Amino acid sequence: MENMIVADGTEIEVQPGASLGGTKIVAADFEELGTVAEALTKEGNLATVQYKNGEQVTGVYSDMKIESPLFTEVDYTDEKKVVATIRIREKTDLEKRLDAVEAKQAELDQSQKIQDGAILDLAGIVGGEA
């Protein structure tokens, strides 16, 4: 059996011969496919992606992105399992730089919230409200 493993450790069954441009995901039913969709779209979960055949690692990738639409084809196997195709690729340098800028902005926003809280606390102390 072949699997794709995302950053949080979620293992997703894939059909043999998976490639980044056409990974066929196998799910027991549409409910399980929904769980797979959540794992694939979870923030940071495509930071590392590993493909395994049994216990042998066949590929390790980082900074990946799912192409839109999430599933390009959905069908059934002979065993009535759901098969859905995804296209995954490495992020471009521009996308990686944008991620870095957004992460830095989030860090600055958090620092600003802390600073704003400290200023309000100090204003309360100086104003005699503490």
N, C-alpha and C. Protein backbone atom coordinates (compact mmCIF):
# COMPACT_ATOMS: atom_id res chain seq x y z
N MET A 1 0.83 -1.18 0.00
CA MET A 1 0.00 0.00 0.00
C MET A 1 0.88 1.25 0.00
N GLU A 2 0.47 2.24 -0.76
CA GLU A 2 1.20 3.50 -0.79
C GLU A 2 0.44 4.54 0.01
N ASN A 3 1.21 5.42 0.66
CA ASN A 3 0.62 6.49 1.48
C ASN A 3 1.32 7.81 1.21
N MET A 4 0.56 8.86 1.42
CA MET A 4 1.10 10.22 1.45
C MET A 4 0.93 10.67 2.90
N ILE A 5 1.98 11.18 3.49
CA ILE A 5 1.96 11.60 4.89
C ILE A 5 2.23 13.09 4.94
N VAL A 6 1.30 13.85 5.56
CA VAL A 6 1.45 15.30 5.65
C VAL A 6 2.06 15.67 6.99
N ALA A 7 2.34 16.94 7.19
CA ALA A 7 3.14 17.41 8.33
C ALA A 7 2.60 16.99 9.69
N ASP A 8 1.28 16.93 9.87
CA ASP A 8 0.75 16.56 11.19
C ASP A 8 0.71 15.06 11.42
N GLY A 9 1.26 14.28 10.46
CA GLY A 9 1.33 12.84 10.60
C GLY A 9 0.16 12.09 9.99
N THR A 10 -0.81 12.81 9.45
CA THR A 10 -1.95 12.15 8.81
C THR A 10 -1.47 11.34 7.61
N GLU A 11 -1.86 10.07 7.58
CA GLU A 11 -1.51 9.19 6.47
C GLU A 11 -2.71 9.06 5.55
N ILE A 12 -2.48 9.30 4.27
CA ILE A 12 -3.54 9.27 3.27
C ILE A 12 -3.19 8.20 2.26
N GLU A 13 -4.09 7.23 2.08
CA GLU A 13 -3.84 6.16 1.12
C GLU A 13 -3.91 6.73 -0.30
N VAL A 14 -2.93 6.35 -1.12
CA VAL A 14 -2.91 6.77 -2.53
C VAL A 14 -2.73 5.53 -3.41
N GLN A 15 -3.17 5.67 -4.65
CA GLN A 15 -2.98 4.56 -5.58
C GLN A 15 -1.51 4.47 -5.97
N PRO A 16 -1.05 3.27 -6.30
CA PRO A 16 0.34 3.09 -6.72
C PRO A 16 0.68 3.99 -7.91
N GLY A 17 1.93 4.43 -7.95
CA GLY A 17 2.40 5.26 -9.05
C GLY A 17 2.07 6.73 -8.91
N ALA A 18 1.80 7.17 -7.69
CA ALA A 18 1.44 8.58 -7.45
C ALA A 18 2.56 9.50 -7.89
N SER A 19 2.17 10.63 -8.45
CA SER A 19 3.13 11.67 -8.82
C SER A 19 2.58 12.99 -8.31
N LEU A 20 3.43 13.99 -8.18
CA LEU A 20 2.98 15.28 -7.66
C LEU A 20 1.87 15.87 -8.53
N GLY A 21 1.97 15.70 -9.83
CA GLY A 21 0.98 16.27 -10.74
C GLY A 21 -0.30 15.48 -10.82
N GLY A 22 -0.36 14.33 -10.20
CA GLY A 22 -1.56 13.51 -10.27
C GLY A 22 -1.58 12.42 -9.22
N THR A 23 -1.79 12.80 -7.98
CA THR A 23 -1.88 11.83 -6.90
C THR A 23 -3.34 11.42 -6.76
N LYS A 24 -3.57 10.11 -6.86
CA LYS A 24 -4.93 9.59 -6.72
C LYS A 24 -5.12 9.09 -5.29
N ILE A 25 -5.96 9.79 -4.56
CA ILE A 25 -6.23 9.48 -3.16
C ILE A 25 -7.35 8.45 -3.10
N VAL A 26 -7.21 7.48 -2.21
CA VAL A 26 -8.22 6.44 -2.03
C VAL A 26 -8.86 6.63 -0.66
N ALA A 27 -10.20 6.69 -0.64
CA ALA A 27 -10.94 6.83 0.62
C ALA A 27 -12.08 5.81 0.63
N ALA A 28 -12.44 5.37 1.81
CA ALA A 28 -13.51 4.38 1.95
C ALA A 28 -14.84 4.91 1.43
N ASP A 29 -15.10 6.22 1.69
CA ASP A 29 -16.36 6.83 1.28
C ASP A 29 -16.18 8.35 1.24
N PHE A 30 -17.26 9.06 0.92
CA PHE A 30 -17.15 10.51 0.81
C PHE A 30 -16.91 11.19 2.15
N GLU A 31 -17.37 10.60 3.24
CA GLU A 31 -17.10 11.15 4.55
C GLU A 31 -15.60 11.13 4.84
N GLU A 32 -14.95 10.01 4.53
CA GLU A 32 -13.51 9.92 4.71
C GLU A 32 -12.78 10.88 3.77
N LEU A 33 -13.31 11.05 2.56
CA LEU A 33 -12.70 11.99 1.63
C LEU A 33 -12.76 13.42 2.19
N GLY A 34 -13.83 13.72 2.92
CA GLY A 34 -13.94 15.02 3.57
C GLY A 34 -12.86 15.20 4.63
N THR A 35 -12.57 14.14 5.37
CA THR A 35 -11.51 14.17 6.37
C THR A 35 -10.15 14.39 5.70
N VAL A 36 -9.95 13.74 4.55
CA VAL A 36 -8.71 13.92 3.78
C VAL A 36 -8.61 15.37 3.31
N ALA A 37 -9.71 15.93 2.84
CA ALA A 37 -9.72 17.33 2.38
C ALA A 37 -9.31 18.27 3.51
N GLU A 38 -9.82 18.01 4.72
CA GLU A 38 -9.46 18.83 5.87
C GLU A 38 -7.96 18.74 6.16
N ALA A 39 -7.40 17.55 6.07
CA ALA A 39 -5.97 17.37 6.33
C ALA A 39 -5.13 18.08 5.27
N LEU A 40 -5.57 18.02 4.02
CA LEU A 40 -4.81 18.65 2.94
C LEU A 40 -4.87 20.18 2.99
N THR A 41 -5.95 20.72 3.54
CA THR A 41 -6.11 22.18 3.56
C THR A 41 -5.79 22.79 4.92
N LYS A 42 -5.44 21.97 5.90
CA LYS A 42 -5.08 22.47 7.23
C LYS A 42 -3.81 23.32 7.13
N GLU A 43 -3.84 24.47 7.76
CA GLU A 43 -2.71 25.40 7.73
C GLU A 43 -1.41 24.71 8.14
N GLY A 44 -0.40 24.80 7.30
CA GLY A 44 0.92 24.25 7.59
C GLY A 44 1.09 22.77 7.32
N ASN A 45 0.01 22.09 6.94
CA ASN A 45 0.09 20.63 6.78
C ASN A 45 0.84 20.20 5.53
N LEU A 46 1.04 21.12 4.59
CA LEU A 46 1.80 20.76 3.40
C LEU A 46 3.24 21.31 3.47
N ALA A 47 3.65 21.71 4.66
CA ALA A 47 5.03 22.16 4.85
C ALA A 47 5.99 21.02 4.53
N THR A 48 5.59 19.80 4.90
CA THR A 48 6.34 18.62 4.50
C THR A 48 5.35 17.55 4.06
N VAL A 49 5.68 16.89 2.98
CA VAL A 49 4.86 15.82 2.43
C VAL A 49 5.79 14.66 2.10
N GLN A 50 5.41 13.49 2.55
CA GLN A 50 6.23 12.31 2.33
C GLN A 50 5.38 11.24 1.63
N TYR A 51 5.98 10.59 0.65
CA TYR A 51 5.32 9.46 -0.01
C TYR A 51 6.04 8.19 0.43
N LYS A 52 5.25 7.16 0.79
CA LYS A 52 5.83 5.89 1.22
C LYS A 52 5.14 4.74 0.51
N ASN A 53 5.92 3.73 0.20
CA ASN A 53 5.39 2.47 -0.33
C ASN A 53 5.74 1.42 0.72
N GLY A 54 4.75 1.01 1.49
CA GLY A 54 5.02 0.15 2.63
C GLY A 54 5.82 0.94 3.65
N GLU A 55 7.00 0.46 3.98
CA GLU A 55 7.88 1.17 4.91
C GLU A 55 8.95 1.99 4.19
N GLN A 56 9.04 1.86 2.88
CA GLN A 56 10.07 2.56 2.10
C GLN A 56 9.59 3.95 1.70
N VAL A 57 10.37 4.95 2.06
CA VAL A 57 10.08 6.34 1.67
C VAL A 57 10.47 6.50 0.21
N THR A 58 9.53 6.95 -0.61
CA THR A 58 9.81 7.11 -2.04
C THR A 58 9.96 8.57 -2.44
N GLY A 59 9.62 9.48 -1.54
CA GLY A 59 9.78 10.91 -1.84
C GLY A 59 9.48 11.76 -0.64
N VAL A 60 10.26 12.83 -0.45
CA VAL A 60 10.04 13.80 0.63
C VAL A 60 10.10 15.18 0.00
N TYR A 61 9.08 15.97 0.27
CA TYR A 61 8.96 17.30 -0.34
C TYR A 61 8.62 18.32 0.73
N SER A 62 9.00 19.57 0.49
CA SER A 62 8.68 20.62 1.45
C SER A 62 8.09 21.83 0.73
N ASP A 63 7.40 22.65 1.52
CA ASP A 63 6.76 23.87 1.01
C ASP A 63 5.86 23.58 -0.19
N MET A 64 4.92 22.68 0.03
CA MET A 64 4.04 22.26 -1.06
C MET A 64 2.73 23.03 -1.04
N LYS A 65 2.03 22.94 -2.17
CA LYS A 65 0.75 23.63 -2.33
C LYS A 65 -0.15 22.77 -3.20
N ILE A 66 -1.43 22.72 -2.85
CA ILE A 66 -2.43 22.01 -3.66
C ILE A 66 -2.92 22.96 -4.74
N GLU A 67 -2.96 22.47 -5.96
CA GLU A 67 -3.53 23.25 -7.06
C GLU A 67 -5.04 23.26 -6.92
N SER A 68 -5.66 24.31 -7.38
CA SER A 68 -7.11 24.42 -7.36
C SER A 68 -7.68 23.93 -8.69
N PRO A 69 -8.80 23.24 -8.67
CA PRO A 69 -9.62 22.84 -7.54
C PRO A 69 -8.94 21.75 -6.72
N LEU A 70 -9.42 21.57 -5.49
CA LEU A 70 -8.79 20.59 -4.60
C LEU A 70 -8.77 19.21 -5.23
N PHE A 71 -9.90 18.76 -5.74
CA PHE A 71 -9.97 17.46 -6.42
C PHE A 71 -10.30 17.70 -7.89
N THR A 72 -9.46 17.17 -8.77
CA THR A 72 -9.70 17.38 -10.20
C THR A 72 -10.57 16.28 -10.80
N GLU A 73 -10.57 15.11 -10.21
CA GLU A 73 -11.40 13.99 -10.66
C GLU A 73 -11.84 13.22 -9.42
N VAL A 74 -13.07 12.77 -9.44
CA VAL A 74 -13.57 11.91 -8.36
C VAL A 74 -14.29 10.74 -9.02
N ASP A 75 -13.99 9.52 -8.57
CA ASP A 75 -14.56 8.33 -9.18
C ASP A 75 -14.63 7.23 -8.11
N TYR A 76 -15.08 6.05 -8.50
CA TYR A 76 -15.12 4.87 -7.63
C TYR A 76 -14.18 3.80 -8.18
N THR A 77 -13.62 3.00 -7.27
CA THR A 77 -12.85 1.83 -7.68
C THR A 77 -13.83 0.67 -7.86
N ASP A 78 -13.33 -0.44 -8.34
CA ASP A 78 -14.15 -1.64 -8.46
C ASP A 78 -14.66 -2.11 -7.10
N GLU A 79 -13.91 -1.78 -6.03
CA GLU A 79 -14.30 -2.16 -4.67
C GLU A 79 -15.22 -1.12 -4.04
N LYS A 80 -15.68 -0.16 -4.83
CA LYS A 80 -16.59 0.92 -4.39
C LYS A 80 -15.95 1.88 -3.40
N LYS A 81 -14.64 1.99 -3.46
CA LYS A 81 -13.96 3.04 -2.69
C LYS A 81 -13.96 4.30 -3.55
N VAL A 82 -13.82 5.45 -2.91
CA VAL A 82 -13.78 6.72 -3.61
C VAL A 82 -12.32 7.02 -3.99
N VAL A 83 -12.11 7.42 -5.23
CA VAL A 83 -10.78 7.83 -5.69
C VAL A 83 -10.88 9.27 -6.16
N ALA A 84 -10.00 10.12 -5.64
CA ALA A 84 -10.00 11.53 -6.01
C ALA A 84 -8.58 11.94 -6.36
N THR A 85 -8.43 12.68 -7.44
CA THR A 85 -7.11 13.11 -7.90
C THR A 85 -6.81 14.52 -7.43
N ILE A 86 -5.61 14.70 -6.88
CA ILE A 86 -5.13 16.04 -6.52
C ILE A 86 -3.86 16.33 -7.30
N ARG A 87 -3.60 17.60 -7.49
CA ARG A 87 -2.34 18.04 -8.09
C ARG A 87 -1.63 18.86 -7.02
N ILE A 88 -0.42 18.47 -6.70
CA ILE A 88 0.35 19.13 -5.66
C ILE A 88 1.67 19.59 -6.28
N ARG A 89 2.17 20.72 -5.80
CA ARG A 89 3.42 21.25 -6.33
C ARG A 89 4.16 22.02 -5.24
N GLU A 90 5.45 22.26 -5.50
CA GLU A 90 6.22 23.08 -4.59
C GLU A 90 5.83 24.54 -4.78
N LYS A 91 5.79 25.28 -3.68
CA LYS A 91 5.50 26.71 -3.78
C LYS A 91 6.61 27.42 -4.54
N THR A 92 6.22 28.47 -5.25
CA THR A 92 7.21 29.28 -5.96
C THR A 92 7.97 30.12 -4.95
N ASP A 93 9.09 30.70 -5.38
CA ASP A 93 9.87 31.58 -4.49
C ASP A 93 9.01 32.75 -4.02
N LEU A 94 8.18 33.28 -4.90
CA LEU A 94 7.31 34.41 -4.54
C LEU A 94 6.31 33.99 -3.46
N GLU A 95 5.71 32.81 -3.59
CA GLU A 95 4.77 32.32 -2.58
C GLU A 95 5.47 32.10 -1.25
N LYS A 96 6.69 31.60 -1.28
CA LYS A 96 7.45 31.39 -0.04
C LYS A 96 7.76 32.73 0.63
N ARG A 97 8.13 33.73 -0.17
CA ARG A 97 8.43 35.06 0.38
C ARG A 97 7.16 35.68 0.97
N LEU A 98 6.03 35.51 0.30
CA LEU A 98 4.77 36.03 0.81
C LEU A 98 4.42 35.36 2.14
N ASP A 99 4.62 34.05 2.24
CA ASP A 99 4.39 33.34 3.51
C ASP A 99 5.24 33.93 4.62
N ALA A 100 6.51 34.23 4.31
CA ALA A 100 7.42 34.79 5.31
C ALA A 100 6.95 36.18 5.76
N VAL A 101 6.49 36.98 4.81
CA VAL A 101 5.99 38.32 5.14
C VAL A 101 4.74 38.22 6.01
N GLU A 102 3.83 37.31 5.66
CA GLU A 102 2.60 37.13 6.44
C GLU A 102 2.91 36.63 7.85
N ALA A 103 3.87 35.73 7.98
CA ALA A 103 4.26 35.23 9.30
C ALA A 103 4.86 36.35 10.15
N LYS A 104 5.68 37.19 9.55
CA LYS A 104 6.29 38.32 10.26
C LYS A 104 5.21 39.31 10.68
N GLN A 105 4.23 39.56 9.80
CA GLN A 105 3.15 40.49 10.13
C GLN A 105 2.33 39.96 11.30
N ALA A 106 2.05 38.66 11.31
CA ALA A 106 1.31 38.06 12.42
C ALA A 106 2.08 38.21 13.73
N GLU A 107 3.39 38.05 13.66
CA GLU A 107 4.26 38.22 14.82
C GLU A 107 4.19 39.67 15.32
N LEU A 108 4.25 40.62 14.39
CA LEU A 108 4.18 42.04 14.76
C LEU A 108 2.81 42.39 15.34
N ASP A 109 1.75 41.83 14.77
CA ASP A 109 0.40 42.07 15.29
C ASP A 109 0.28 41.59 16.72
N GLN A 110 0.84 40.42 17.02
CA GLN A 110 0.80 39.88 18.38
C GLN A 110 1.58 40.78 19.33
N SER A 111 2.75 41.25 18.90
CA SER A 111 3.55 42.14 19.73
C SER A 111 2.80 43.44 20.00
N GLN A 112 2.09 43.94 18.99
CA GLN A 112 1.33 45.18 19.16
C GLN A 112 0.21 44.99 20.17
N LYS A 113 -0.46 43.83 20.14
CA LYS A 113 -1.54 43.57 21.11
C LYS A 113 -0.99 43.56 22.53
N ILE A 114 0.17 42.96 22.71
CA ILE A 114 0.80 42.92 24.03
C ILE A 114 1.14 44.33 24.49
N GLN A 115 1.72 45.11 23.57
CA GLN A 115 2.09 46.48 23.89
C GLN A 115 0.84 47.31 24.21
N ASP A 116 -0.22 47.16 23.44
CA ASP A 116 -1.46 47.90 23.70
C ASP A 116 -2.02 47.57 25.07
N GLY A 117 -1.97 46.28 25.45
CA GLY A 117 -2.46 45.86 26.76
C GLY A 117 -1.62 46.47 27.87
N ALA A 118 -0.31 46.50 27.69
CA ALA A 118 0.58 47.08 28.70
C ALA A 118 0.32 48.58 28.87
N ILE A 119 0.08 49.26 27.76
CA ILE A 119 -0.21 50.71 27.81
C ILE A 119 -1.52 50.95 28.57
N LEU A 120 -2.54 50.13 28.30
CA LEU A 120 -3.81 50.29 29.01
C LEU A 120 -3.66 50.01 30.50
N ASP A 121 -2.88 49.00 30.83
CA ASP A 121 -2.62 48.71 32.24
C ASP A 121 -1.92 49.87 32.92
N LEU A 122 -0.91 50.42 32.26
CA LEU A 122 -0.16 51.55 32.82
C LEU A 122 -1.05 52.77 32.96
N ALA A 123 -1.91 53.01 31.97
CA ALA A 123 -2.83 54.15 32.04
C ALA A 123 -3.76 53.99 33.22
N GLY A 124 -4.22 52.76 33.48
CA GLY A 124 -5.08 52.52 34.62
C GLY A 124 -4.38 52.76 35.93
N ILE A 125 -3.10 52.38 36.01
CA ILE A 125 -2.33 52.59 37.25
C ILE A 125 -2.10 54.07 37.48
N VAL A 126 -1.68 54.76 36.42
CA VAL A 126 -1.39 56.20 36.53
C VAL A 126 -2.68 56.97 36.84
N GLY A 127 -3.78 56.52 36.24
CA GLY A 127 -5.05 57.20 36.45
C GLY A 127 -5.74 56.83 37.75
N GLY A 128 -5.16 55.91 38.49
CA GLY A 128 -5.72 55.51 39.78
C GLY A 128 -6.80 54.46 39.70
N GLU A 129 -6.91 53.77 38.58
CA GLU A 129 -7.96 52.77 38.43
C GLU A 129 -7.51 51.39 38.89
N ALA A 130 -6.25 51.21 39.21
CA ALA A 130 -5.76 49.87 39.56
C ALA A 130 -5.94 49.56 41.01
